[in-house]
Structure formats: C-alpha cells, structure tokens
Amino acid sequence: QVQLVESGGDLVQPGGSLRLSCALSGSSIFSRYAMRWYRQAPGKQRELVADITSGGDTNYADSVKGRFTISRDNAKNTVYLQMNSLKPEDTAIYYCNGQSPLTRNNYWGQGTQVTVSS
C-alpha cells in the first residue's frame, strides 16, 4: 500500500522560509513517480503549486514562481518543497500527491499546515 507522509509545516513570519518534505513508502519505483504539491486555503479550492516529473522537469504556479522550489531525492523516496519569501497568502494546508507510473493511481498525503503571519 502506497503511503505519503508530509512534514515541515509551521507558523512563519512574512518573508520567512520553510521546507516541506513528503516521504513515499510502499513502492520500490518512487523514481518513476510524478510528484506534485497542492495547497488548499480556507474557503478556496485545492490548487496545484508545483510538480516534478520522473526526469526532474519542474513546473510552478505563477503565484509561487521564483519563490518556491520543488526537488526530489530518489534515494530517500522523498520530494521537497522549499518555500522562500513567504507571504500571508501562502497560508494553506499543503498536500503531497504522487501518481503511479504503472496504474496511474493518485496517492495523497494527509497534509501539513503552513501559516504565514506576523
């Protein structure tokens, strides 16, 4: 059973930084997974923040370009989201998503809360 576990969410002041981690277990082919970070703010729909392919290609939402960086460590079955220059509007629950290259099933983590406030 594939499981994703996020960590790293916290309360941070505007302009600060955080690094989120998402560890995948239950699969030996993490390197072939497409991985994504989504977020959902109160009263808003879940939105795609960043994604990274098995080959390392990345894409970002316009709202985070230049501030967030997605990366992966295949040896640790982990994907990261480095968030710099955080703004209050980045406040949300951040979810990790992984798509199996074999079944195309999507797997979700439980989410981690990021709050940007002074």
C-alpha atoms as a PDB file:
ATOM      1  CA  GLN A   1       0.000   0.000   0.000  1.00  0.00           C
ATOM      2  CA  VAL A   2       1.493   3.309  -1.102  1.00  0.00           C
ATOM      3  CA  GLN A   3       1.531   5.985   1.590  1.00  0.00           C
ATOM      4  CA  LEU A   4       2.670   9.600   1.559  1.00  0.00           C
ATOM      5  CA  VAL A   5       3.611  11.456   4.730  1.00  0.00           C
ATOM      6  CA  GLU A   6       4.242  15.202   4.722  1.00  0.00           C
ATOM      7  CA  SER A   7       6.177  17.160   7.319  1.00  0.00           C
ATOM      8  CA  GLY A   8       7.657  20.594   7.814  1.00  0.00           C
ATOM      9  CA  GLY A   9       4.613  22.811   8.106  1.00  0.00           C
ATOM     10  CA  ASP A  10       4.810  25.559  10.698  1.00  0.00           C
ATOM     11  CA  LEU A  11       3.952  29.137  11.638  1.00  0.00           C
ATOM     12  CA  VAL A  12       6.373  31.561   9.997  1.00  0.00           C
ATOM     13  CA  GLN A  13       6.597  35.327   9.634  1.00  0.00           C
ATOM     14  CA  PRO A  14       6.170  37.031   6.259  1.00  0.00           C
ATOM     15  CA  GLY A  15       9.428  36.905   4.328  1.00  0.00           C
ATOM     16  CA  GLY A  16      10.478  33.712   6.052  1.00  0.00           C
ATOM     17  CA  SER A  17      11.259  30.277   4.666  1.00  0.00           C
ATOM     18  CA  LEU A  18      10.116  26.705   5.186  1.00  0.00           C
ATOM     19  CA  ARG A  19      10.980  23.372   3.641  1.00  0.00           C
ATOM     20  CA  LEU A  20       8.255  20.771   3.319  1.00  0.00           C
ATOM     21  CA  SER A  21       9.072  17.090   2.919  1.00  0.00           C
ATOM     22  CA  CYS A  22       6.973  14.227   1.615  1.00  0.00           C
ATOM     23  CA  ALA A  23       8.131  10.655   2.079  1.00  0.00           C
ATOM     24  CA  LEU A  24       6.645   7.848  -0.007  1.00  0.00           C
ATOM     25  CA  SER A  25       6.520   4.279   1.268  1.00  0.00           C
ATOM     26  CA  GLY A  26       5.091   1.066  -0.125  1.00  0.00           C
ATOM     27  CA  SER A  27       6.648   1.293  -3.579  1.00  0.00           C
ATOM     28  CA  SER A  28      10.098   0.459  -4.914  1.00  0.00           C
ATOM     29  CA  ILE A  29       9.771   2.649  -8.004  1.00  0.00           C
ATOM     30  CA  PHE A  30       9.499   6.107  -6.460  1.00  0.00           C
ATOM     31  CA  SER A  31      11.940   7.421  -9.041  1.00  0.00           C
ATOM     32  CA  ARG A  32       9.312   6.847 -11.716  1.00  0.00           C
ATOM     33  CA  TYR A  33       6.518   8.672  -9.928  1.00  0.00           C
ATOM     34  CA  ALA A  34       5.379  12.125 -10.988  1.00  0.00           C
ATOM     35  CA  MET A  35       5.149  14.120  -7.762  1.00  0.00           C
ATOM     36  CA  ARG A  36       3.138  17.242  -7.014  1.00  0.00           C
ATOM     37  CA  TRP A  37       2.482  19.701  -4.219  1.00  0.00           C
ATOM     38  CA  TYR A  38      -1.010  21.154  -3.876  1.00  0.00           C
ATOM     39  CA  ARG A  39      -2.407  23.588  -1.332  1.00  0.00           C
ATOM     40  CA  GLN A  40      -5.833  24.489  -0.062  1.00  0.00           C
ATOM     41  CA  ALA A  41      -6.599  27.704   1.763  1.00  0.00           C
ATOM     42  CA  PRO A  42      -9.748  28.132   3.868  1.00  0.00           C
ATOM     43  CA  GLY A  43     -12.775  28.634   1.648  1.00  0.00           C
ATOM     44  CA  LYS A  44     -10.813  28.025  -1.533  1.00  0.00           C
ATOM     45  CA  GLN A  45     -10.349  25.145  -3.933  1.00  0.00           C
ATOM     46  CA  ARG A  46      -7.263  22.996  -3.841  1.00  0.00           C
ATOM     47  CA  GLU A  47      -4.666  24.308  -6.301  1.00  0.00           C
ATOM     48  CA  LEU A  48      -1.545  22.859  -7.861  1.00  0.00           C
ATOM     49  CA  VAL A  49       1.571  24.596  -6.564  1.00  0.00           C
ATOM     50  CA  ALA A  50       4.413  22.680  -8.201  1.00  0.00           C
ATOM     51  CA  ASP A  51       5.176  19.395  -9.884  1.00  0.00           C
ATOM     52  CA  ILE A  52       8.251  17.385 -10.815  1.00  0.00           C
ATOM     53  CA  THR A  53       8.470  14.576 -13.346  1.00  0.00           C
ATOM     54  CA  SER A  54      10.461  11.378 -13.035  1.00  0.00           C
ATOM     55  CA  GLY A  55      13.059  13.050 -15.215  1.00  0.00           C
ATOM     56  CA  GLY A  56      13.328  16.076 -12.953  1.00  0.00           C
ATOM     57  CA  ASP A  57      11.393  18.587 -15.055  1.00  0.00           C
ATOM     58  CA  THR A  58       9.530  21.095 -12.916  1.00  0.00           C
ATOM     59  CA  ASN A  59       6.535  23.399 -13.240  1.00  0.00           C
ATOM     60  CA  TYR A  60       5.178  26.049 -10.897  1.00  0.00           C
ATOM     61  CA  ALA A  61       2.039  28.053 -10.368  1.00  0.00           C
ATOM     62  CA  ASP A  62       2.543  31.679 -11.359  1.00  0.00           C
ATOM     63  CA  SER A  63       1.901  32.756  -7.788  1.00  0.00           C
ATOM     64  CA  VAL A  64       4.988  30.908  -6.474  1.00  0.00           C
ATOM     65  CA  LYS A  65       7.443  31.163  -9.365  1.00  0.00           C
ATOM     66  CA  GLY A  66      10.799  32.459  -8.212  1.00  0.00           C
ATOM     67  CA  ARG A  67       9.972  31.795  -4.550  1.00  0.00           C
ATOM     68  CA  PHE A  68       9.305  28.032  -4.324  1.00  0.00           C
ATOM     69  CA  THR A  69      11.481  25.155  -5.492  1.00  0.00           C
ATOM     70  CA  ILE A  70      10.378  21.536  -5.832  1.00  0.00           C
ATOM     71  CA  SER A  71      13.022  18.811  -5.773  1.00  0.00           C
ATOM     72  CA  ARG A  72      13.294  15.087  -5.196  1.00  0.00           C
ATOM     73  CA  ASP A  73      15.750  12.653  -3.645  1.00  0.00           C
ATOM     74  CA  ASN A  74      15.066   9.267  -5.180  1.00  0.00           C
ATOM     75  CA  ALA A  75      17.463   7.541  -2.783  1.00  0.00           C
ATOM     76  CA  LYS A  76      15.252   8.693   0.102  1.00  0.00           C
ATOM     77  CA  ASN A  77      11.892   8.317  -1.677  1.00  0.00           C
ATOM     78  CA  THR A  78      11.249  11.941  -0.771  1.00  0.00           C
ATOM     79  CA  VAL A  79      10.070  15.087  -2.520  1.00  0.00           C
ATOM     80  CA  TYR A  80      10.662  18.548  -1.100  1.00  0.00           C
ATOM     81  CA  LEU A  81       9.161  21.993  -1.437  1.00  0.00           C
ATOM     82  CA  GLN A  82      11.496  24.821  -0.488  1.00  0.00           C
ATOM     83  CA  MET A  83       9.441  27.937   0.153  1.00  0.00           C
ATOM     84  CA  ASN A  84      11.156  31.322   0.394  1.00  0.00           C
ATOM     85  CA  SER A  85       9.862  34.874   0.716  1.00  0.00           C
ATOM     86  CA  LEU A  86       6.639  33.563   2.178  1.00  0.00           C
ATOM     87  CA  LYS A  87       3.537  35.744   2.084  1.00  0.00           C
ATOM     88  CA  PRO A  88       0.340  35.639   4.144  1.00  0.00           C
ATOM     89  CA  GLU A  89      -1.490  34.422   1.043  1.00  0.00           C
ATOM     90  CA  ASP A  90       0.672  31.286   1.081  1.00  0.00           C
ATOM     91  CA  THR A  91      -1.189  30.211   4.217  1.00  0.00           C
ATOM     92  CA  ALA A  92      -2.842  26.866   3.480  1.00  0.00           C
ATOM     93  CA  ILE A  93      -2.746  23.157   4.074  1.00  0.00           C
ATOM     94  CA  TYR A  94      -0.122  21.716   1.733  1.00  0.00           C
ATOM     95  CA  TYR A  95      -0.696  18.267   0.281  1.00  0.00           C
ATOM     96  CA  CYS A  96       1.701  15.933  -1.441  1.00  0.00           C
ATOM     97  CA  ASN A  97       0.471  13.889  -4.400  1.00  0.00           C
ATOM     98  CA  GLY A  98       2.126  11.043  -6.251  1.00  0.00           C
ATOM     99  CA  GLN A  99       0.984   9.305  -9.417  1.00  0.00           C
ATOM    100  CA  SER A 100       1.952   5.714 -10.052  1.00  0.00           C
ATOM    101  CA  PRO A 101       3.592   5.167 -13.455  1.00  0.00           C
ATOM    102  CA  LEU A 102       2.079   1.663 -13.588  1.00  0.00           C
ATOM    103  CA  THR A 103      -1.549   2.122 -12.524  1.00  0.00           C
ATOM    104  CA  ARG A 104      -1.882   5.920 -12.939  1.00  0.00           C
ATOM    105  CA  ASN A 105      -3.469   5.930  -9.471  1.00  0.00           C
ATOM    106  CA  ASN A 106      -3.067   9.124  -7.469  1.00  0.00           C
ATOM    107  CA  TYR A 107      -1.991   8.947  -3.847  1.00  0.00           C
ATOM    108  CA  TRP A 108      -2.344  11.761  -1.315  1.00  0.00           C
ATOM    109  CA  GLY A 109      -0.726  12.621   1.965  1.00  0.00           C
ATOM    110  CA  GLN A 110      -2.621  13.875   4.995  1.00  0.00           C
ATOM    111  CA  GLY A 111      -1.490  17.462   4.583  1.00  0.00           C
ATOM    112  CA  THR A 112       0.691  19.818   6.588  1.00  0.00           C
ATOM    113  CA  GLN A 113      -0.358  23.274   7.776  1.00  0.00           C
ATOM    114  CA  VAL A 114       1.629  26.325   6.706  1.00  0.00           C
ATOM    115  CA  THR A 115       0.678  29.612   8.335  1.00  0.00           C
ATOM    116  CA  VAL A 116       2.354  32.872   7.354  1.00  0.00           C
ATOM    117  CA  SER A 117       1.573  35.594   9.853  1.00  0.00           C
ATOM    118  CA  SER A 118       3.259  38.240  11.951  1.00  0.00           C
END
